[in-house]
């Protein structure tokens, strides 16, 4: 068993690295045009977002439409950091954001430990205390980061420009993802107590709120460089195929190992039956918030990578209609599936955003919103388990649990009869 496991793991990583190298060679030699290489990057970014949503919905059973809200937070936060460095030659955005997410993270942990000792405290009261702690710590972080801006700027300036930009970009992607995760923790604390349908509506409202704030980011939030509804320009195009591929492979590995752990079994049990999970001693609320935060972390990282592909961001990219894109990918790929989600994400980018734009007549862009729902309905009727069904590559297959009958479209009786007949 161990030998087979080792072979599947080695085989997976060998094929993945070989594929990454081949694509990079095609890009470097110009065989793969900038248009198609950009679509590959978009496909990888969409795969990361979709895997995060699949954790929340497919594995934990929480219907969420807020993935694009955290995607937008990661995109704009990282873009502001790299913009300030590349255009203004200042590391103030990087220093402030790093200090803020670090201290806020510590504040969340300490507050959680403190409130854990208080019994009978309701959710809204806990949320209020968390919010007060975060606001206070954020103010402190801004003040403490001021003396560090000049030394960090001088250190980065002394490096070669390309190396300095990549360091700033890497740190911006990480900190933007953590920022999205911390915001999701605060948002999810009161909202996750709602039922799945109401939770979906609340997350959709969150996405709309984020979009409105981005429309007025230059006036309400004070970030003039974001230019509000006019769109943010001047973002360095630092996202390469290698960055996207590495991030995607890390996310796949994290999801695979999580599902193989006791935490993964616990979060899946919440999807199956919350009452039974509670009876077995599983903290359902903790599993929900953990999954929601991890999925939002992936969305924030994906947004940060997306922001540096074309070097331009506009709030309309993150409106509530676009928020359904990762949901469409998850449904096509299959709820509770990893391989299908990655395949569906690349297919979404290459076919719907690539081939159909080239082959179909001009004006099809407006018809895509008609084609998407029709394809979605056909998929749900003919193959509710997704494109690949229950198939997974060997590296992932052994750790995936079977989907419940409500998600696969197969009744328990039919499954029992099949087993008995076999």
Foldseek 3Di string as FASTA:
>chain_A
DVVVLVVLVVVVVVVLVVVLVVVVVCVVVCVQPLQVQLLLLQLLLLLLLLLLVLLQPQQQNFQALQLLLLLQQLQVLLLLQLLCCVPVLWNLSLLLLVLLLVQLVVLVVVLCVVCVVDPPDDQVVSLVVSVVSSVVSSVVSNVVSVVVGVVVSVVLVVDPPVVSSVVSLVSSLQSQLSVLLSVLLSQCSVLVVDDRVSSHVSSLVSLQVSLQCQQCCCPPVVPVQCVHQVWHARGALPQGSVNSSVLSVVSLVVVLVCLQDPLVVLSNVNNVPVVVSVVVVRPSSVSSSVSSSVSSSSSSSSSSSVSNNVRIGHSVCRHSVVSCVSVLLPQQLFRQASVSSSVSSSCCSCPVVNVCCVPPDPPCVVVVVVVSVVVSVVCCVPFRRHDVRLDDRPNRNVSGDDGDCVRRVHDPVNVVVVVVVD
